[in-house]
Amino acid sequence: MGLKGRTDHPDVQGAMLKLESVIRESNVVLGGVAPTAAQANAMVARGYKALVLGFNWSLLQRGISSVLDGIPRPA
């Protein structure tokens, strides 16, 4: 499709919805990667049964951010 990394592109979204539909009707478990809780909930609502939540770097970044958010900084 020539849209690497563009999961928000309408053509990619359309292809993903078509694949989800075909997979849900088969004996294959529908799974994917959900970088956020909101995306995970949306995927579960669409029938996903296996999810990878976040990535190593994103989980690390969120953990560090939550600690830094609790440290006051001078203005």
PDB file of N, CA and C in Angstrom:
ATOM      1  N   MET A   1       0.820  -1.193   0.000  1.00  0.00           N
ATOM      2  CA  MET A   1       0.000   0.000   0.000  1.00  0.00           C
ATOM      3  C   MET A   1       0.868   1.262   0.000  1.00  0.00           C
ATOM      4  N   GLY A   2       2.147   1.123   0.373  1.00  0.00           N
ATOM      5  CA  GLY A   2       3.034   2.278   0.409  1.00  0.00           C
ATOM      6  C   GLY A   2       2.738   3.240   1.549  1.00  0.00           C
ATOM      7  N   LEU A   3       2.136   2.742   2.616  1.00  0.00           N
ATOM      8  CA  LEU A   3       1.728   3.611   3.726  1.00  0.00           C
ATOM      9  C   LEU A   3       2.303   3.120   5.053  1.00  0.00           C
ATOM     10  N   LYS A   4       3.540   2.676   5.046  1.00  0.00           N
ATOM     11  CA  LYS A   4       4.190   2.135   6.242  1.00  0.00           C
ATOM     12  C   LYS A   4       4.084   3.116   7.412  1.00  0.00           C
ATOM     13  N   GLY A   5       3.584   2.607   8.543  1.00  0.00           N
ATOM     14  CA  GLY A   5       3.459   3.425   9.738  1.00  0.00           C
ATOM     15  C   GLY A   5       2.257   4.347   9.756  1.00  0.00           C
ATOM     16  N   ARG A   6       1.433   4.322   8.717  1.00  0.00           N
ATOM     17  CA  ARG A   6       0.278   5.226   8.608  1.00  0.00           C
ATOM     18  C   ARG A   6      -1.020   4.478   8.924  1.00  0.00           C
ATOM     19  N   THR A   7      -1.108   3.950  10.139  1.00  0.00           N
ATOM     20  CA  THR A   7      -2.292   3.177  10.507  1.00  0.00           C
ATOM     21  C   THR A   7      -3.554   4.025  10.560  1.00  0.00           C
ATOM     22  N   ASP A   8      -3.393   5.345  10.579  1.00  0.00           N
ATOM     23  CA  ASP A   8      -4.549   6.240  10.602  1.00  0.00           C
ATOM     24  C   ASP A   8      -5.086   6.557   9.203  1.00  0.00           C
ATOM     25  N   HIS A   9      -4.353   6.159   8.165  1.00  0.00           N
ATOM     26  CA  HIS A   9      -4.771   6.459   6.788  1.00  0.00           C
ATOM     27  C   HIS A   9      -6.063   5.708   6.458  1.00  0.00           C
ATOM     28  N   PRO A  10      -7.022   6.354   5.811  1.00  0.00           N
ATOM     29  CA  PRO A  10      -8.306   5.708   5.484  1.00  0.00           C
ATOM     30  C   PRO A  10      -8.162   4.395   4.712  1.00  0.00           C
ATOM     31  N   ASP A  11      -7.210   4.312   3.796  1.00  0.00           N
ATOM     32  CA  ASP A  11      -7.030   3.062   3.049  1.00  0.00           C
ATOM     33  C   ASP A  11      -6.552   1.931   3.956  1.00  0.00           C
ATOM     34  N   VAL A  12      -5.664   2.254   4.885  1.00  0.00           N
ATOM     35  CA  VAL A  12      -5.174   1.257   5.839  1.00  0.00           C
ATOM     36  C   VAL A  12      -6.311   0.847   6.769  1.00  0.00           C
ATOM     37  N   GLN A  13      -7.058   1.809   7.259  1.00  0.00           N
ATOM     38  CA  GLN A  13      -8.191   1.514   8.133  1.00  0.00           C
ATOM     39  C   GLN A  13      -9.203   0.603   7.437  1.00  0.00           C
ATOM     40  N   GLY A  14      -9.498   0.885   6.183  1.00  0.00           N
ATOM     41  CA  GLY A  14     -10.429   0.061   5.418  1.00  0.00           C
ATOM     42  C   GLY A  14      -9.932  -1.358   5.252  1.00  0.00           C
ATOM     43  N   ALA A  15      -8.650  -1.502   4.954  1.00  0.00           N
ATOM     44  CA  ALA A  15      -8.064  -2.837   4.802  1.00  0.00           C
ATOM     45  C   ALA A  15      -8.104  -3.593   6.125  1.00  0.00           C
ATOM     46  N   MET A  16      -7.812  -2.895   7.221  1.00  0.00           N
ATOM     47  CA  MET A  16      -7.830  -3.546   8.530  1.00  0.00           C
ATOM     48  C   MET A  16      -9.239  -4.007   8.901  1.00  0.00           C
ATOM     49  N   LEU A  17     -10.240  -3.184   8.625  1.00  0.00           N
ATOM     50  CA  LEU A  17     -11.622  -3.569   8.917  1.00  0.00           C
ATOM     51  C   LEU A  17     -12.042  -4.788   8.107  1.00  0.00           C
ATOM     52  N   LYS A  18     -11.623  -4.841   6.843  1.00  0.00           N
ATOM     53  CA  LYS A  18     -11.936  -5.987   5.989  1.00  0.00           C
ATOM     54  C   LYS A  18     -11.269  -7.248   6.535  1.00  0.00           C
ATOM     55  N   LEU A  19      -9.991  -7.133   6.912  1.00  0.00           N
ATOM     56  CA  LEU A  19      -9.278  -8.286   7.454  1.00  0.00           C
ATOM     57  C   LEU A  19      -9.898  -8.737   8.776  1.00  0.00           C
ATOM     58  N   GLU A  20     -10.257  -7.786   9.634  1.00  0.00           N
ATOM     59  CA  GLU A  20     -10.901  -8.133  10.905  1.00  0.00           C
ATOM     60  C   GLU A  20     -12.173  -8.941  10.652  1.00  0.00           C
ATOM     61  N   SER A  21     -12.963  -8.505   9.693  1.00  0.00           N
ATOM     62  CA  SER A  21     -14.215  -9.174   9.372  1.00  0.00           C
ATOM     63  C   SER A  21     -13.978 -10.616   8.920  1.00  0.00           C
ATOM     64  N   VAL A  22     -13.010 -10.793   8.040  1.00  0.00           N
ATOM     65  CA  VAL A  22     -12.703 -12.132   7.523  1.00  0.00           C
ATOM     66  C   VAL A  22     -12.165 -13.023   8.643  1.00  0.00           C
ATOM     67  N   ILE A  23     -11.273 -12.473   9.475  1.00  0.00           N
ATOM     68  CA  ILE A  23     -10.667 -13.258  10.548  1.00  0.00           C
ATOM     69  C   ILE A  23     -11.711 -13.634  11.598  1.00  0.00           C
ATOM     70  N   ARG A  24     -12.586 -12.713  11.957  1.00  0.00           N
ATOM     71  CA  ARG A  24     -13.624 -13.017  12.954  1.00  0.00           C
ATOM     72  C   ARG A  24     -14.502 -14.179  12.514  1.00  0.00           C
ATOM     73  N   GLU A  25     -14.727 -14.321  11.222  1.00  0.00           N
ATOM     74  CA  GLU A  25     -15.582 -15.385  10.691  1.00  0.00           C
ATOM     75  C   GLU A  25     -14.839 -16.708  10.522  1.00  0.00           C
ATOM     76  N   SER A  26     -13.536 -16.715  10.808  1.00  0.00           N
ATOM     77  CA  SER A  26     -12.732 -17.924  10.628  1.00  0.00           C
ATOM     78  C   SER A  26     -12.409 -18.554  11.980  1.00  0.00           C
ATOM     79  N   ASN A  27     -11.585 -19.588  11.960  1.00  0.00           N
ATOM     80  CA  ASN A  27     -11.124 -20.236  13.190  1.00  0.00           C
ATOM     81  C   ASN A  27      -9.842 -19.605  13.722  1.00  0.00           C
ATOM     82  N   VAL A  28      -9.393 -18.535  13.116  1.00  0.00           N
ATOM     83  CA  VAL A  28      -8.162 -17.863  13.518  1.00  0.00           C
ATOM     84  C   VAL A  28      -8.490 -16.845  14.603  1.00  0.00           C
ATOM     85  N   VAL A  29      -7.617 -16.752  15.611  1.00  0.00           N
ATOM     86  CA  VAL A  29      -7.799 -15.770  16.680  1.00  0.00           C
ATOM     87  C   VAL A  29      -7.383 -14.400  16.167  1.00  0.00           C
ATOM     88  N   LEU A  30      -8.257 -13.419  16.323  1.00  0.00           N
ATOM     89  CA  LEU A  30      -7.970 -12.050  15.909  1.00  0.00           C
ATOM     90  C   LEU A  30      -7.127 -11.388  16.988  1.00  0.00           C
ATOM     91  N   GLY A  31      -5.949 -10.895  16.624  1.00  0.00           N
ATOM     92  CA  GLY A  31      -5.053 -10.271  17.584  1.00  0.00           C
ATOM     93  C   GLY A  31      -4.331  -9.091  16.975  1.00  0.00           C
ATOM     94  N   GLY A  32      -3.746  -8.268  17.838  1.00  0.00           N
ATOM     95  CA  GLY A  32      -3.007  -7.119  17.351  1.00  0.00           C
ATOM     96  C   GLY A  32      -2.332  -6.379  18.488  1.00  0.00           C
ATOM     97  N   VAL A  33      -1.768  -5.220  18.159  1.00  0.00           N
ATOM     98  CA  VAL A  33      -1.037  -4.395  19.113  1.00  0.00           C
ATOM     99  C   VAL A  33      -1.876  -3.171  19.448  1.00  0.00           C
ATOM    100  N   ALA A  34      -2.033  -2.905  20.737  1.00  0.00           N
ATOM    101  CA  ALA A  34      -2.782  -1.740  21.203  1.00  0.00           C
ATOM    102  C   ALA A  34      -1.854  -0.862  22.047  1.00  0.00           C
ATOM    103  N   PRO A  35      -1.420   0.263  21.506  1.00  0.00           N
ATOM    104  CA  PRO A  35      -0.504   1.124  22.259  1.00  0.00           C
ATOM    105  C   PRO A  35      -1.140   1.822  23.457  1.00  0.00           C
ATOM    106  N   THR A  36      -2.463   1.961  23.471  1.00  0.00           N
ATOM    107  CA  THR A  36      -3.127   2.651  24.580  1.00  0.00           C
ATOM    108  C   THR A  36      -4.310   1.824  25.074  1.00  0.00           C
ATOM    109  N   ALA A  37      -4.764   2.147  26.286  1.00  0.00           N
ATOM    110  CA  ALA A  37      -5.933   1.458  26.840  1.00  0.00           C
ATOM    111  C   ALA A  37      -7.171   1.716  25.986  1.00  0.00           C
ATOM    112  N   ALA A  38      -7.321   2.931  25.496  1.00  0.00           N
ATOM    113  CA  ALA A  38      -8.480   3.257  24.651  1.00  0.00           C
ATOM    114  C   ALA A  38      -8.481   2.410  23.380  1.00  0.00           C
ATOM    115  N   GLN A  39      -7.318   2.257  22.766  1.00  0.00           N
ATOM    116  CA  GLN A  39      -7.239   1.431  21.559  1.00  0.00           C
ATOM    117  C   GLN A  39      -7.502  -0.034  21.894  1.00  0.00           C
ATOM    118  N   ALA A  40      -7.016  -0.498  23.045  1.00  0.00           N
ATOM    119  CA  ALA A  40      -7.257  -1.889  23.455  1.00  0.00           C
ATOM    120  C   ALA A  40      -8.755  -2.129  23.636  1.00  0.00           C
ATOM    121  N   ASN A  41      -9.432  -1.212  24.307  1.00  0.00           N
ATOM    122  CA  ASN A  41     -10.881  -1.359  24.506  1.00  0.00           C
ATOM    123  C   ASN A  41     -11.637  -1.358  23.192  1.00  0.00           C
ATOM    124  N   ALA A  42     -11.233  -0.501  22.263  1.00  0.00           N
ATOM    125  CA  ALA A  42     -11.884  -0.454  20.951  1.00  0.00           C
ATOM    126  C   ALA A  42     -11.662  -1.763  20.195  1.00  0.00           C
ATOM    127  N   MET A  43     -10.461  -2.311  20.302  1.00  0.00           N
ATOM    128  CA  MET A  43     -10.153  -3.565  19.605  1.00  0.00           C
ATOM    129  C   MET A  43     -10.938  -4.728  20.208  1.00  0.00           C
ATOM    130  N   VAL A  44     -11.044  -4.773  21.528  1.00  0.00           N
ATOM    131  CA  VAL A  44     -11.839  -5.823  22.180  1.00  0.00           C
ATOM    132  C   VAL A  44     -13.287  -5.722  21.722  1.00  0.00           C
ATOM    133  N   ALA A  45     -13.795  -4.504  21.625  1.00  0.00           N
ATOM    134  CA  ALA A  45     -15.179  -4.304  21.167  1.00  0.00           C
ATOM    135  C   ALA A  45     -15.372  -4.790  19.733  1.00  0.00           C
ATOM    136  N   ARG A  46     -14.290  -4.763  18.922  1.00  0.00           N
ATOM    137  CA  ARG A  46     -14.374  -5.243  17.533  1.00  0.00           C
ATOM    138  C   ARG A  46     -14.091  -6.736  17.416  1.00  0.00           C
ATOM    139  N   GLY A  47     -13.856  -7.421  18.562  1.00  0.00           N
ATOM    140  CA  GLY A  47     -13.699  -8.873  18.515  1.00  0.00           C
ATOM    141  C   GLY A  47     -12.288  -9.392  18.673  1.00  0.00           C
ATOM    142  N   TYR A  48     -11.339  -8.546  19.003  1.00  0.00           N
ATOM    143  CA  TYR A  48      -9.973  -9.018  19.216  1.00  0.00           C
ATOM    144  C   TYR A  48      -9.919  -9.894  20.453  1.00  0.00           C
ATOM    145  N   LYS A  49      -9.186 -11.010  20.353  1.00  0.00           N
ATOM    146  CA  LYS A  49      -9.053 -11.954  21.458  1.00  0.00           C
ATOM    147  C   LYS A  49      -7.638 -11.985  22.030  1.00  0.00           C
ATOM    148  N   ALA A  50      -6.656 -11.489  21.281  1.00  0.00           N
ATOM    149  CA  ALA A  50      -5.259 -11.474  21.727  1.00  0.00           C
ATOM    150  C   ALA A  50      -4.689 -10.087  21.474  1.00  0.00           C
ATOM    151  N   LEU A  51      -4.177  -9.473  22.532  1.00  0.00           N
ATOM    152  CA  LEU A  51      -3.620  -8.131  22.401  1.00  0.00           C
ATOM    153  C   LEU A  51      -2.237  -8.051  23.025  1.00  0.00           C
ATOM    154  N   VAL A  52      -1.360  -7.325  22.368  1.00  0.00           N
ATOM    155  CA  VAL A  52      -0.083  -6.929  22.943  1.00  0.00           C
ATOM    156  C   VAL A  52      -0.290  -5.479  23.350  1.00  0.00           C
ATOM    157  N   LEU A  53      -0.063  -5.192  24.623  1.00  0.00           N
ATOM    158  CA  LEU A  53      -0.327  -3.852  25.137  1.00  0.00           C
ATOM    159  C   LEU A  53       0.959  -3.048  25.204  1.00  0.00           C
ATOM    160  N   GLY A  54       1.095  -2.104  24.296  1.00  0.00           N
ATOM    161  CA  GLY A  54       2.274  -1.248  24.270  1.00  0.00           C
ATOM    162  C   GLY A  54       3.492  -1.959  23.714  1.00  0.00           C
ATOM    163  N   PHE A  55       4.589  -1.299  23.795  1.00  0.00           N
ATOM    164  CA  PHE A  55       5.877  -1.803  23.342  1.00  0.00           C
ATOM    165  C   PHE A  55       6.868  -1.547  24.468  1.00  0.00           C
ATOM    166  N   ASN A  56       7.987  -2.205  24.471  1.00  0.00           N
ATOM    167  CA  ASN A  56       8.986  -1.985  25.523  1.00  0.00           C
ATOM    168  C   ASN A  56       9.294  -0.510  25.706  1.00  0.00           C
ATOM    169  N   TRP A  57       9.595   0.188  24.598  1.00  0.00           N
ATOM    170  CA  TRP A  57       9.990   1.601  24.717  1.00  0.00           C
ATOM    171  C   TRP A  57       8.831   2.470  25.184  1.00  0.00           C
ATOM    172  N   SER A  58       7.617   2.172  24.751  1.00  0.00           N
ATOM    173  CA  SER A  58       6.490   3.010  25.160  1.00  0.00           C
ATOM    174  C   SER A  58       6.118   2.765  26.617  1.00  0.00           C
ATOM    175  N   LEU A  59       6.224   1.517  27.074  1.00  0.00           N
ATOM    176  CA  LEU A  59       5.956   1.232  28.477  1.00  0.00           C
ATOM    177  C   LEU A  59       6.993   1.908  29.361  1.00  0.00           C
ATOM    178  N   LEU A  60       8.246   1.878  28.942  1.00  0.00           N
ATOM    179  CA  LEU A  60       9.311   2.549  29.678  1.00  0.00           C
ATOM    180  C   LEU A  60       9.069   4.053  29.713  1.00  0.00           C
ATOM    181  N   GLN A  61       8.713   4.617  28.572  1.00  0.00           N
ATOM    182  CA  GLN A  61       8.463   6.058  28.494  1.00  0.00           C
ATOM    183  C   GLN A  61       7.309   6.459  29.413  1.00  0.00           C
ATOM    184  N   ARG A  62       6.222   5.687  29.408  1.00  0.00           N
ATOM    185  CA  ARG A  62       5.081   6.007  30.271  1.00  0.00           C
ATOM    186  C   ARG A  62       5.448   5.909  31.746  1.00  0.00           C
ATOM    187  N   GLY A  63       6.245   4.911  32.090  1.00  0.00           N
ATOM    188  CA  GLY A  63       6.673   4.764  33.478  1.00  0.00           C
ATOM    189  C   GLY A  63       7.516   5.942  33.931  1.00  0.00           C
ATOM    190  N   ILE A  64       8.463   6.335  33.103  1.00  0.00           N
ATOM    191  CA  ILE A  64       9.315   7.478  33.429  1.00  0.00           C
ATOM    192  C   ILE A  64       8.484   8.748  33.496  1.00  0.00           C
ATOM    193  N   SER A  65       7.571   8.933  32.548  1.00  0.00           N
ATOM    194  CA  SER A  65       6.722  10.132  32.540  1.00  0.00           C
ATOM    195  C   SER A  65       5.884  10.230  33.797  1.00  0.00           C
ATOM    196  N   SER A  66       5.349   9.090  34.268  1.00  0.00           N
ATOM    197  CA  SER A  66       4.510   9.143  35.468  1.00  0.00           C
ATOM    198  C   SER A  66       5.330   9.553  36.683  1.00  0.00           C
ATOM    199  N   VAL A  67       6.597   9.150  36.748  1.00  0.00           N
ATOM    200  CA  VAL A  67       7.455   9.585  37.841  1.00  0.00           C
ATOM    201  C   VAL A  67       7.791  11.071  37.701  1.00  0.00           C
ATOM    202  N   LEU A  68       8.164  11.484  36.492  1.00  0.00           N
ATOM    203  CA  LEU A  68       8.521  12.889  36.283  1.00  0.00           C
ATOM    204  C   LEU A  68       7.341  13.817  36.513  1.00  0.00           C
ATOM    205  N   ASP A  69       6.147  13.365  36.212  1.00  0.00           N
ATOM    206  CA  ASP A  69       4.961  14.202  36.423  1.00  0.00           C
ATOM    207  C   ASP A  69       4.758  14.527  37.900  1.00  0.00           C
ATOM    208  N   GLY A  70       5.281  13.687  38.784  1.00  0.00           N
ATOM    209  CA  GLY A  70       5.137  13.916  40.207  1.00  0.00           C
ATOM    210  C   GLY A  70       6.227  14.782  40.814  1.00  0.00           C
ATOM    211  N   ILE A  71       7.166  15.254  40.000  1.00  0.00           N
ATOM    212  CA  ILE A  71       8.260  16.083  40.482  1.00  0.00           C
ATOM    213  C   ILE A  71       8.034  17.514  40.051  1.00  0.00           C
ATOM    214  N   PRO A  72       7.883  18.435  41.029  1.00  0.00           N
ATOM    215  CA  PRO A  72       7.672  19.845  40.669  1.00  0.00           C
ATOM    216  C   PRO A  72       8.924  20.404  39.971  1.00  0.00           C
ATOM    217  N   ARG A  73       8.680  21.277  39.012  1.00  0.00           N
ATOM    218  CA  ARG A  73       9.777  21.912  38.270  1.00  0.00           C
ATOM    219  C   ARG A  73       9.642  23.419  38.411  1.00  0.00           C
ATOM    220  N   PRO A  74      10.758  24.096  38.504  1.00  0.00           N
ATOM    221  CA  PRO A  74      10.690  25.558  38.560  1.00  0.00           C
ATOM    222  C   PRO A  74      10.146  26.111  37.247  1.00  0.00           C
ATOM    223  N   ALA A  75       9.422  27.210  37.346  1.00  0.00           N
ATOM    224  CA  ALA A  75       8.825  27.825  36.160  1.00  0.00           C
ATOM    225  C   ALA A  75       9.833  28.553  35.315  1.00  0.00           C
TER     226      ALA A  75
END
